mmCIF file of all heavy atoms, coordinates in Angstrom:
data_MODEL
# 
_entry.id   MODEL 
# 
loop_
_atom_site.group_PDB 
_atom_site.id 
_atom_site.type_symbol 
_atom_site.label_atom_id 
_atom_site.label_alt_id 
_atom_site.label_comp_id 
_atom_site.label_asym_id 
_atom_site.label_entity_id 
_atom_site.label_seq_id 
_atom_site.pdbx_PDB_ins_code 
_atom_site.Cartn_x 
_atom_site.Cartn_y 
_atom_site.Cartn_z 
_atom_site.occupancy 
_atom_site.B_iso_or_equiv 
_atom_site.pdbx_formal_charge 
_atom_site.auth_seq_id 
_atom_site.auth_comp_id 
_atom_site.auth_asym_id 
_atom_site.auth_atom_id 
_atom_site.pdbx_PDB_model_num 
ATOM 1   N N   . PRO A 1 1  ? -40.454 75.983 40.908 1.00 0.00 ? 1  PRO A N   1 
ATOM 2   C CA  . PRO A 1 1  ? -40.612 77.190 41.771 1.00 0.00 ? 1  PRO A CA  1 
ATOM 3   C C   . PRO A 1 1  ? -41.428 76.862 42.982 1.00 0.00 ? 1  PRO A C   1 
ATOM 4   O O   . PRO A 1 1  ? -42.393 76.030 42.913 1.00 0.00 ? 1  PRO A O   1 
ATOM 5   C CB  . PRO A 1 1  ? -41.368 78.197 40.838 1.00 0.00 ? 1  PRO A CB  1 
ATOM 6   C CG  . PRO A 1 1  ? -42.066 77.353 39.861 1.00 0.00 ? 1  PRO A CG  1 
ATOM 7   C CD  . PRO A 1 1  ? -41.180 76.169 39.630 1.00 0.00 ? 1  PRO A CD  1 
ATOM 8   N N   . PRO A 1 2  ? -41.086 77.454 44.139 1.00 0.00 ? 2  PRO A N   1 
ATOM 9   C CA  . PRO A 1 2  ? -41.931 77.237 45.321 1.00 0.00 ? 2  PRO A CA  1 
ATOM 10  C C   . PRO A 1 2  ? -43.222 77.948 45.180 1.00 0.00 ? 2  PRO A C   1 
ATOM 11  O O   . PRO A 1 2  ? -43.409 78.865 44.382 1.00 0.00 ? 2  PRO A O   1 
ATOM 12  C CB  . PRO A 1 2  ? -41.052 77.812 46.470 1.00 0.00 ? 2  PRO A CB  1 
ATOM 13  C CG  . PRO A 1 2  ? -40.253 78.892 45.784 1.00 0.00 ? 2  PRO A CG  1 
ATOM 14  C CD  . PRO A 1 2  ? -39.969 78.364 44.434 1.00 0.00 ? 2  PRO A CD  1 
ATOM 15  N N   . GLY A 1 3  ? -44.271 77.445 45.935 1.00 0.00 ? 3  GLY A N   1 
ATOM 16  C CA  . GLY A 1 3  ? -45.554 78.098 45.906 1.00 0.00 ? 3  GLY A CA  1 
ATOM 17  C C   . GLY A 1 3  ? -46.683 77.117 45.695 1.00 0.00 ? 3  GLY A C   1 
ATOM 18  O O   . GLY A 1 3  ? -46.473 75.918 45.811 1.00 0.00 ? 3  GLY A O   1 
ATOM 19  N N   . VAL A 1 4  ? -47.829 77.682 45.294 1.00 0.00 ? 4  VAL A N   1 
ATOM 20  C CA  . VAL A 1 4  ? -49.051 76.868 45.203 1.00 0.00 ? 4  VAL A CA  1 
ATOM 21  C C   . VAL A 1 4  ? -49.599 76.947 43.779 1.00 0.00 ? 4  VAL A C   1 
ATOM 22  O O   . VAL A 1 4  ? -49.613 78.042 43.166 1.00 0.00 ? 4  VAL A O   1 
ATOM 23  C CB  . VAL A 1 4  ? -50.086 77.336 46.229 1.00 0.00 ? 4  VAL A CB  1 
ATOM 24  C CG1 . VAL A 1 4  ? -51.346 76.490 46.156 1.00 0.00 ? 4  VAL A CG1 1 
ATOM 25  C CG2 . VAL A 1 4  ? -49.549 77.376 47.609 1.00 0.00 ? 4  VAL A CG2 1 
ATOM 26  N N   . GLU A 1 5  ? -49.987 75.793 43.252 1.00 0.00 ? 5  GLU A N   1 
ATOM 27  C CA  . GLU A 1 5  ? -50.673 75.789 41.959 1.00 0.00 ? 5  GLU A CA  1 
ATOM 28  C C   . GLU A 1 5  ? -51.704 74.661 42.039 1.00 0.00 ? 5  GLU A C   1 
ATOM 29  O O   . GLU A 1 5  ? -51.665 73.775 42.843 1.00 0.00 ? 5  GLU A O   1 
ATOM 30  C CB  . GLU A 1 5  ? -49.690 75.532 40.800 1.00 0.00 ? 5  GLU A CB  1 
ATOM 31  C CG  . GLU A 1 5  ? -48.951 74.193 40.866 1.00 0.00 ? 5  GLU A CG  1 
ATOM 32  C CD  . GLU A 1 5  ? -48.152 73.953 39.657 1.00 0.00 ? 5  GLU A CD  1 
ATOM 33  O OE1 . GLU A 1 5  ? -48.449 74.494 38.564 1.00 0.00 ? 5  GLU A OE1 1 
ATOM 34  O OE2 . GLU A 1 5  ? -47.135 73.234 39.792 1.00 0.00 ? 5  GLU A OE2 1 
ATOM 35  N N   . THR A 1 6  ? -52.683 74.754 41.128 1.00 0.00 ? 6  THR A N   1 
ATOM 36  C CA  . THR A 1 6  ? -53.744 73.762 41.052 1.00 0.00 ? 6  THR A CA  1 
ATOM 37  C C   . THR A 1 6  ? -53.629 73.139 39.626 1.00 0.00 ? 6  THR A C   1 
ATOM 38  O O   . THR A 1 6  ? -53.658 73.831 38.648 1.00 0.00 ? 6  THR A O   1 
ATOM 39  C CB  . THR A 1 6  ? -55.146 74.323 41.267 1.00 0.00 ? 6  THR A CB  1 
ATOM 40  O OG1 . THR A 1 6  ? -55.187 74.909 42.570 1.00 0.00 ? 6  THR A OG1 1 
ATOM 41  C CG2 . THR A 1 6  ? -56.200 73.251 41.149 1.00 0.00 ? 6  THR A CG2 1 
ATOM 42  N N   . VAL A 1 7  ? -53.562 71.786 39.640 1.00 0.00 ? 7  VAL A N   1 
ATOM 43  C CA  . VAL A 1 7  ? -53.496 71.029 38.387 1.00 0.00 ? 7  VAL A CA  1 
ATOM 44  C C   . VAL A 1 7  ? -54.573 69.936 38.412 1.00 0.00 ? 7  VAL A C   1 
ATOM 45  O O   . VAL A 1 7  ? -54.547 69.062 39.247 1.00 0.00 ? 7  VAL A O   1 
ATOM 46  C CB  . VAL A 1 7  ? -52.106 70.358 38.228 1.00 0.00 ? 7  VAL A CB  1 
ATOM 47  C CG1 . VAL A 1 7  ? -52.061 69.562 36.931 1.00 0.00 ? 7  VAL A CG1 1 
ATOM 48  C CG2 . VAL A 1 7  ? -50.996 71.441 38.157 1.00 0.00 ? 7  VAL A CG2 1 
ATOM 49  N N   . ASP A 1 8  ? -55.513 70.054 37.495 1.00 0.00 ? 8  ASP A N   1 
ATOM 50  C CA  . ASP A 1 8  ? -56.593 69.088 37.367 1.00 0.00 ? 8  ASP A CA  1 
ATOM 51  C C   . ASP A 1 8  ? -57.237 68.793 38.754 1.00 0.00 ? 8  ASP A C   1 
ATOM 52  O O   . ASP A 1 8  ? -57.543 67.633 39.089 1.00 0.00 ? 8  ASP A O   1 
ATOM 53  C CB  . ASP A 1 8  ? -56.041 67.752 36.771 1.00 0.00 ? 8  ASP A CB  1 
ATOM 54  C CG  . ASP A 1 8  ? -55.520 67.955 35.358 1.00 0.00 ? 8  ASP A CG  1 
ATOM 55  O OD1 . ASP A 1 8  ? -56.054 68.839 34.668 1.00 0.00 ? 8  ASP A OD1 1 
ATOM 56  O OD2 . ASP A 1 8  ? -54.579 67.185 34.948 1.00 0.00 ? 8  ASP A OD2 1 
ATOM 57  N N   . GLY A 1 9  ? -57.515 69.880 39.447 1.00 0.00 ? 9  GLY A N   1 
ATOM 58  C CA  . GLY A 1 9  ? -58.249 69.714 40.686 1.00 0.00 ? 9  GLY A CA  1 
ATOM 59  C C   . GLY A 1 9  ? -57.401 69.399 41.890 1.00 0.00 ? 9  GLY A C   1 
ATOM 60  O O   . GLY A 1 9  ? -57.955 69.265 43.040 1.00 0.00 ? 9  GLY A O   1 
ATOM 61  N N   . VAL A 1 10 ? -56.097 69.175 41.771 1.00 0.00 ? 10 VAL A N   1 
ATOM 62  C CA  . VAL A 1 10 ? -55.195 68.850 42.848 1.00 0.00 ? 10 VAL A CA  1 
ATOM 63  C C   . VAL A 1 10 ? -54.373 70.111 43.183 1.00 0.00 ? 10 VAL A C   1 
ATOM 64  O O   . VAL A 1 10 ? -53.743 70.692 42.299 1.00 0.00 ? 10 VAL A O   1 
ATOM 65  C CB  . VAL A 1 10 ? -54.264 67.714 42.475 1.00 0.00 ? 10 VAL A CB  1 
ATOM 66  C CG1 . VAL A 1 10 ? -53.256 67.469 43.561 1.00 0.00 ? 10 VAL A CG1 1 
ATOM 67  C CG2 . VAL A 1 10 ? -55.069 66.444 42.206 1.00 0.00 ? 10 VAL A CG2 1 
ATOM 68  N N   . THR A 1 11 ? -54.420 70.488 44.437 1.00 0.00 ? 11 THR A N   1 
ATOM 69  C CA  . THR A 1 11 ? -53.611 71.653 44.918 1.00 0.00 ? 11 THR A CA  1 
ATOM 70  C C   . THR A 1 11 ? -52.156 71.178 45.295 1.00 0.00 ? 11 THR A C   1 
ATOM 71  O O   . THR A 1 11 ? -51.999 70.259 46.096 1.00 0.00 ? 11 THR A O   1 
ATOM 72  C CB  . THR A 1 11 ? -54.237 72.269 46.164 1.00 0.00 ? 11 THR A CB  1 
ATOM 73  O OG1 . THR A 1 11 ? -55.568 72.705 45.838 1.00 0.00 ? 11 THR A OG1 1 
ATOM 74  C CG2 . THR A 1 11 ? -53.406 73.489 46.657 1.00 0.00 ? 11 THR A CG2 1 
ATOM 75  N N   . ILE A 1 12 ? -51.185 71.781 44.588 1.00 0.00 ? 12 ILE A N   1 
ATOM 76  C CA  . ILE A 1 12 ? -49.815 71.386 44.764 1.00 0.00 ? 12 ILE A CA  1 
ATOM 77  C C   . ILE A 1 12 ? -49.069 72.463 45.495 1.00 0.00 ? 12 ILE A C   1 
ATOM 78  O O   . ILE A 1 12 ? -49.029 73.603 45.029 1.00 0.00 ? 12 ILE A O   1 
ATOM 79  C CB  . ILE A 1 12 ? -49.129 71.075 43.430 1.00 0.00 ? 12 ILE A CB  1 
ATOM 80  C CG1 . ILE A 1 12 ? -49.934 69.996 42.678 1.00 0.00 ? 12 ILE A CG1 1 
ATOM 81  C CG2 . ILE A 1 12 ? -47.703 70.639 43.649 1.00 0.00 ? 12 ILE A CG2 1 
ATOM 82  C CD1 . ILE A 1 12 ? -49.553 69.914 41.219 1.00 0.00 ? 12 ILE A CD1 1 
ATOM 83  N N   . ARG A 1 13 ? -48.520 72.174 46.660 1.00 0.00 ? 13 ARG A N   1 
ATOM 84  C CA  . ARG A 1 13 ? -47.708 73.070 47.423 1.00 0.00 ? 13 ARG A CA  1 
ATOM 85  C C   . ARG A 1 13 ? -46.278 72.630 47.383 1.00 0.00 ? 13 ARG A C   1 
ATOM 86  O O   . ARG A 1 13 ? -46.025 71.493 47.855 1.00 0.00 ? 13 ARG A O   1 
ATOM 87  C CB  . ARG A 1 13 ? -48.206 73.179 48.879 1.00 0.00 ? 13 ARG A CB  1 
ATOM 88  C CG  . ARG A 1 13 ? -49.623 73.792 49.045 1.00 0.00 ? 13 ARG A CG  1 
ATOM 89  C CD  . ARG A 1 13 ? -50.057 73.835 50.488 1.00 0.00 ? 13 ARG A CD  1 
ATOM 90  N NE  . ARG A 1 13 ? -51.340 74.427 50.614 1.00 0.00 ? 13 ARG A NE  1 
ATOM 91  C CZ  . ARG A 1 13 ? -51.660 75.733 50.720 1.00 0.00 ? 13 ARG A CZ  1 
ATOM 92  N NH1 . ARG A 1 13 ? -50.626 76.564 50.753 1.00 0.00 ? 13 ARG A NH1 1 
ATOM 93  N NH2 . ARG A 1 13 ? -52.907 76.083 50.795 1.00 0.00 ? 13 ARG A NH2 1 
ATOM 94  N N   . ARG A 1 14 ? -45.384 73.476 46.881 1.00 0.00 ? 14 ARG A N   1 
ATOM 95  C CA  . ARG A 1 14 ? -43.977 73.093 46.831 1.00 0.00 ? 14 ARG A CA  1 
ATOM 96  C C   . ARG A 1 14 ? -43.127 73.914 47.777 1.00 0.00 ? 14 ARG A C   1 
ATOM 97  O O   . ARG A 1 14 ? -43.366 75.098 47.917 1.00 0.00 ? 14 ARG A O   1 
ATOM 98  C CB  . ARG A 1 14 ? -43.425 73.311 45.406 1.00 0.00 ? 14 ARG A CB  1 
ATOM 99  C CG  . ARG A 1 14 ? -44.074 72.378 44.374 1.00 0.00 ? 14 ARG A CG  1 
ATOM 100 C CD  . ARG A 1 14 ? -43.321 72.512 43.018 1.00 0.00 ? 14 ARG A CD  1 
ATOM 101 N NE  . ARG A 1 14 ? -43.920 71.706 41.999 1.00 0.00 ? 14 ARG A NE  1 
ATOM 102 C CZ  . ARG A 1 14 ? -43.682 70.409 41.814 1.00 0.00 ? 14 ARG A CZ  1 
ATOM 103 N NH1 . ARG A 1 14 ? -42.823 69.813 42.561 1.00 0.00 ? 14 ARG A NH1 1 
ATOM 104 N NH2 . ARG A 1 14 ? -44.314 69.761 40.785 1.00 0.00 ? 14 ARG A NH2 1 
ATOM 105 N N   . PHE A 1 15 ? -42.215 73.209 48.446 1.00 0.00 ? 15 PHE A N   1 
ATOM 106 C CA  . PHE A 1 15 ? -41.386 73.829 49.453 1.00 0.00 ? 15 PHE A CA  1 
ATOM 107 C C   . PHE A 1 15 ? -39.919 73.543 49.056 1.00 0.00 ? 15 PHE A C   1 
ATOM 108 O O   . PHE A 1 15 ? -39.565 72.476 48.598 1.00 0.00 ? 15 PHE A O   1 
ATOM 109 C CB  . PHE A 1 15 ? -41.655 73.260 50.856 1.00 0.00 ? 15 PHE A CB  1 
ATOM 110 C CG  . PHE A 1 15 ? -43.106 73.398 51.324 1.00 0.00 ? 15 PHE A CG  1 
ATOM 111 C CD1 . PHE A 1 15 ? -44.054 72.429 50.961 1.00 0.00 ? 15 PHE A CD1 1 
ATOM 112 C CD2 . PHE A 1 15 ? -43.492 74.472 52.030 1.00 0.00 ? 15 PHE A CD2 1 
ATOM 113 C CE1 . PHE A 1 15 ? -45.330 72.535 51.333 1.00 0.00 ? 15 PHE A CE1 1 
ATOM 114 C CE2 . PHE A 1 15 ? -44.828 74.604 52.423 1.00 0.00 ? 15 PHE A CE2 1 
ATOM 115 C CZ  . PHE A 1 15 ? -45.720 73.631 52.115 1.00 0.00 ? 15 PHE A CZ  1 
ATOM 116 N N   . PRO A 1 16 ? -39.023 74.518 49.299 1.00 0.00 ? 16 PRO A N   1 
ATOM 117 C CA  . PRO A 1 16 ? -37.580 74.335 48.942 1.00 0.00 ? 16 PRO A CA  1 
ATOM 118 C C   . PRO A 1 16 ? -36.968 73.148 49.676 1.00 0.00 ? 16 PRO A C   1 
ATOM 119 O O   . PRO A 1 16 ? -37.099 72.977 50.897 1.00 0.00 ? 16 PRO A O   1 
ATOM 120 C CB  . PRO A 1 16 ? -36.929 75.634 49.287 1.00 0.00 ? 16 PRO A CB  1 
ATOM 121 C CG  . PRO A 1 16 ? -38.045 76.656 49.310 1.00 0.00 ? 16 PRO A CG  1 
ATOM 122 C CD  . PRO A 1 16 ? -39.238 75.885 49.857 1.00 0.00 ? 16 PRO A CD  1 
ATOM 123 N N   . ALA A 1 17 ? -36.222 72.316 48.936 1.00 0.00 ? 17 ALA A N   1 
ATOM 124 C CA  . ALA A 1 17 ? -35.362 71.285 49.533 1.00 0.00 ? 17 ALA A CA  1 
ATOM 125 C C   . ALA A 1 17 ? -34.130 71.976 50.050 1.00 0.00 ? 17 ALA A C   1 
ATOM 126 O O   . ALA A 1 17 ? -33.565 72.918 49.427 1.00 0.00 ? 17 ALA A O   1 
ATOM 127 C CB  . ALA A 1 17 ? -35.028 70.224 48.551 1.00 0.00 ? 17 ALA A CB  1 
ATOM 128 N N   . VAL A 1 18 ? -33.617 71.552 51.176 1.00 0.00 ? 18 VAL A N   1 
ATOM 129 C CA  . VAL A 1 18 ? -32.471 72.162 51.858 1.00 0.00 ? 18 VAL A CA  1 
ATOM 130 C C   . VAL A 1 18 ? -31.371 71.064 52.066 1.00 0.00 ? 18 VAL A C   1 
ATOM 131 O O   . VAL A 1 18 ? -31.666 70.065 52.657 1.00 0.00 ? 18 VAL A O   1 
ATOM 132 C CB  . VAL A 1 18 ? -32.864 72.854 53.177 1.00 0.00 ? 18 VAL A CB  1 
ATOM 133 C CG1 . VAL A 1 18 ? -31.596 73.330 53.885 1.00 0.00 ? 18 VAL A CG1 1 
ATOM 134 C CG2 . VAL A 1 18 ? -33.850 73.945 52.967 1.00 0.00 ? 18 VAL A CG2 1 
ATOM 135 N N   . ILE A 1 19 ? -30.182 71.405 51.531 1.00 0.00 ? 19 ILE A N   1 
ATOM 136 C CA  . ILE A 1 19 ? -29.028 70.572 51.902 1.00 0.00 ? 19 ILE A CA  1 
ATOM 137 C C   . ILE A 1 19 ? -28.014 71.548 52.447 1.00 0.00 ? 19 ILE A C   1 
ATOM 138 O O   . ILE A 1 19 ? -27.421 72.327 51.678 1.00 0.00 ? 19 ILE A O   1 
ATOM 139 C CB  . ILE A 1 19 ? -28.493 69.837 50.703 1.00 0.00 ? 19 ILE A CB  1 
ATOM 140 C CG1 . ILE A 1 19 ? -29.461 68.747 50.242 1.00 0.00 ? 19 ILE A CG1 1 
ATOM 141 C CG2 . ILE A 1 19 ? -27.141 69.123 51.028 1.00 0.00 ? 19 ILE A CG2 1 
ATOM 142 C CD1 . ILE A 1 19 ? -29.031 67.901 49.065 1.00 0.00 ? 19 ILE A CD1 1 
ATOM 143 N N   . SER A 1 20 ? -27.767 71.508 53.736 1.00 0.00 ? 20 SER A N   1 
ATOM 144 C CA  . SER A 1 20 ? -26.887 72.497 54.374 1.00 0.00 ? 20 SER A CA  1 
ATOM 145 C C   . SER A 1 20 ? -25.593 71.820 54.955 1.00 0.00 ? 20 SER A C   1 
ATOM 146 O O   . SER A 1 20 ? -24.869 72.473 55.689 1.00 0.00 ? 20 SER A O   1 
ATOM 147 C CB  . SER A 1 20 ? -27.645 73.190 55.470 1.00 0.00 ? 20 SER A CB  1 
ATOM 148 O OG  . SER A 1 20 ? -28.133 72.354 56.418 1.00 0.00 ? 20 SER A OG  1 
ATOM 149 N N   . THR A 1 21 ? -25.379 70.604 54.599 1.00 0.00 ? 21 THR A N   1 
ATOM 150 C CA  . THR A 1 21 ? -24.205 69.865 55.066 1.00 0.00 ? 21 THR A CA  1 
ATOM 151 C C   . THR A 1 21 ? -23.454 69.248 53.860 1.00 0.00 ? 21 THR A C   1 
ATOM 152 O O   . THR A 1 21 ? -24.034 69.108 52.800 1.00 0.00 ? 21 THR A O   1 
ATOM 153 C CB  . THR A 1 21 ? -24.599 68.710 56.028 1.00 0.00 ? 21 THR A CB  1 
ATOM 154 O OG1 . THR A 1 21 ? -25.388 67.788 55.328 1.00 0.00 ? 21 THR A OG1 1 
ATOM 155 C CG2 . THR A 1 21 ? -25.454 69.296 57.186 1.00 0.00 ? 21 THR A CG2 1 
ATOM 156 N N   . PRO A 1 22 ? -22.185 68.938 54.009 1.00 0.00 ? 22 PRO A N   1 
ATOM 157 C CA  . PRO A 1 22 ? -21.476 68.311 52.878 1.00 0.00 ? 22 PRO A CA  1 
ATOM 158 C C   . PRO A 1 22 ? -21.799 66.860 52.648 1.00 0.00 ? 22 PRO A C   1 
ATOM 159 O O   . PRO A 1 22 ? -21.422 66.287 51.660 1.00 0.00 ? 22 PRO A O   1 
ATOM 160 C CB  . PRO A 1 22 ? -20.019 68.449 53.342 1.00 0.00 ? 22 PRO A CB  1 
ATOM 161 C CG  . PRO A 1 22 ? -20.086 68.502 54.807 1.00 0.00 ? 22 PRO A CG  1 
ATOM 162 C CD  . PRO A 1 22 ? -21.300 69.256 55.161 1.00 0.00 ? 22 PRO A CD  1 
ATOM 163 N N   . ARG A 1 23 ? -22.639 66.246 53.509 1.00 0.00 ? 23 ARG A N   1 
ATOM 164 C CA  . ARG A 1 23 ? -23.071 64.848 53.380 1.00 0.00 ? 23 ARG A CA  1 
ATOM 165 C C   . ARG A 1 23 ? -21.905 63.869 53.448 1.00 0.00 ? 23 ARG A C   1 
ATOM 166 O O   . ARG A 1 23 ? -22.066 62.658 53.071 1.00 0.00 ? 23 ARG A O   1 
ATOM 167 C CB  . ARG A 1 23 ? -23.897 64.664 52.113 1.00 0.00 ? 23 ARG A CB  1 
ATOM 168 C CG  . ARG A 1 23 ? -25.178 65.445 52.110 1.00 0.00 ? 23 ARG A CG  1 
ATOM 169 C CD  . ARG A 1 23 ? -26.143 64.963 51.072 1.00 0.00 ? 23 ARG A CD  1 
ATOM 170 N NE  . ARG A 1 23 ? -25.823 65.557 49.757 1.00 0.00 ? 23 ARG A NE  1 
ATOM 171 C CZ  . ARG A 1 23 ? -26.539 65.346 48.708 1.00 0.00 ? 23 ARG A CZ  1 
ATOM 172 N NH1 . ARG A 1 23 ? -27.626 64.624 48.708 1.00 0.00 ? 23 ARG A NH1 1 
ATOM 173 N NH2 . ARG A 1 23 ? -26.185 65.847 47.515 1.00 0.00 ? 23 ARG A NH2 1 
ATOM 174 N N   . ALA A 1 24 ? -20.769 64.326 53.936 1.00 0.00 ? 24 ALA A N   1 
ATOM 175 C CA  . ALA A 1 24 ? -19.638 63.390 54.069 1.00 0.00 ? 24 ALA A CA  1 
ATOM 176 C C   . ALA A 1 24 ? -19.824 62.390 55.191 1.00 0.00 ? 24 ALA A C   1 
ATOM 177 O O   . ALA A 1 24 ? -19.507 61.194 55.076 1.00 0.00 ? 24 ALA A O   1 
ATOM 178 C CB  . ALA A 1 24 ? -18.356 64.182 54.331 1.00 0.00 ? 24 ALA A CB  1 
ATOM 179 N N   . GLU A 1 25 ? -20.425 62.831 56.291 1.00 0.00 ? 25 GLU A N   1 
ATOM 180 C CA  . GLU A 1 25 ? -20.709 61.925 57.417 1.00 0.00 ? 25 GLU A CA  1 
ATOM 181 C C   . GLU A 1 25 ? -21.737 60.881 56.950 1.00 0.00 ? 25 GLU A C   1 
ATOM 182 O O   . GLU A 1 25 ? -21.626 59.684 57.329 1.00 0.00 ? 25 GLU A O   1 
ATOM 183 C CB  . GLU A 1 25 ? -21.240 62.732 58.560 1.00 0.00 ? 25 GLU A CB  1 
ATOM 184 C CG  . GLU A 1 25 ? -21.421 61.846 59.851 1.00 0.00 ? 25 GLU A CG  1 
ATOM 185 C CD  . GLU A 1 25 ? -21.864 62.691 61.074 1.00 0.00 ? 25 GLU A CD  1 
ATOM 186 O OE1 . GLU A 1 25 ? -22.562 63.734 60.899 1.00 0.00 ? 25 GLU A OE1 1 
ATOM 187 O OE2 . GLU A 1 25 ? -21.444 62.327 62.183 1.00 0.00 ? 25 GLU A OE2 1 
ATOM 188 N N   . ARG A 1 26 ? -22.720 61.305 56.226 1.00 0.00 ? 26 ARG A N   1 
ATOM 189 C CA  . ARG A 1 26 ? -23.730 60.351 55.723 1.00 0.00 ? 26 ARG A CA  1 
ATOM 190 C C   . ARG A 1 26 ? -23.070 59.258 54.922 1.00 0.00 ? 26 ARG A C   1 
ATOM 191 O O   . ARG A 1 26 ? -23.425 58.046 55.040 1.00 0.00 ? 26 ARG A O   1 
ATOM 192 C CB  . ARG A 1 26 ? -24.802 61.078 54.917 1.00 0.00 ? 26 ARG A CB  1 
ATOM 193 C CG  . ARG A 1 26 ? -25.876 60.141 54.328 1.00 0.00 ? 26 ARG A CG  1 
ATOM 194 C CD  . ARG A 1 26 ? -26.847 60.872 53.464 1.00 0.00 ? 26 ARG A CD  1 
ATOM 195 N NE  . ARG A 1 26 ? -27.841 60.031 52.857 1.00 0.00 ? 26 ARG A NE  1 
ATOM 196 C CZ  . ARG A 1 26 ? -28.943 59.603 53.404 1.00 0.00 ? 26 ARG A CZ  1 
ATOM 197 N NH1 . ARG A 1 26 ? -29.254 59.942 54.632 1.00 0.00 ? 26 ARG A NH1 1 
ATOM 198 N NH2 . ARG A 1 26 ? -29.772 58.774 52.740 1.00 0.00 ? 26 ARG A NH2 1 
ATOM 199 N N   . ALA A 1 27 ? -22.142 59.680 54.040 1.00 0.00 ? 27 ALA A N   1 
ATOM 200 C CA  . ALA A 1 27 ? -21.464 58.658 53.169 1.00 0.00 ? 27 ALA A CA  1 
ATOM 201 C C   . ALA A 1 27 ? -20.710 57.654 54.017 1.00 0.00 ? 27 ALA A C   1 
ATOM 202 O O   . ALA A 1 27 ? -20.735 56.405 53.760 1.00 0.00 ? 27 ALA A O   1 
ATOM 203 C CB  . ALA A 1 27 ? -20.524 59.347 52.229 1.00 0.00 ? 27 ALA A CB  1 
# 
């Protein structure tokens, strides 16, 4: 899930990964 949590003193901020292309050109 996106958002902020703290684990053992480390603040973790997660952001959504985005894939908005078919990645055919990359291939």
